[in-house]
Amino acid sequence: MFRIDIPYEIKIYTSKLSNAGTDANVFIEIYGEEKTTGQVTLCSKTERKGKFQTGSTDVFVPELEDVGEEITKIRIGHDNSGFGKRFHWIC
């Protein structure tokens, strides 16, 4: 069996609350009925400048494993590295 990758458009909205942004490494994992993308970092340290700032919207379009027709769960988080470790999510 071979892996099929497809583009996923991921929009991250960071809260407007004071100090809501982060410099930590932010990751996402998308789950389907039988597959998962695995934990994927959304951008490297060099690409992260200006992203995940208070009140911002960041868009990423990574090509990840196709998890099927229905997404059952999304897990998003960060690794507590860097300054501004708090991260407020708006879902």
Foldseek 3Di string as FASTA:
>chain_A
DDWDWDWDKDKFFFAQPPLQFFLFFKWKKWAAPPDIQPIDGQDDSVVCVPPRDRGDMDIGIDTTTDNDDDTDDMDMAGDQDDPSSHHDGDD
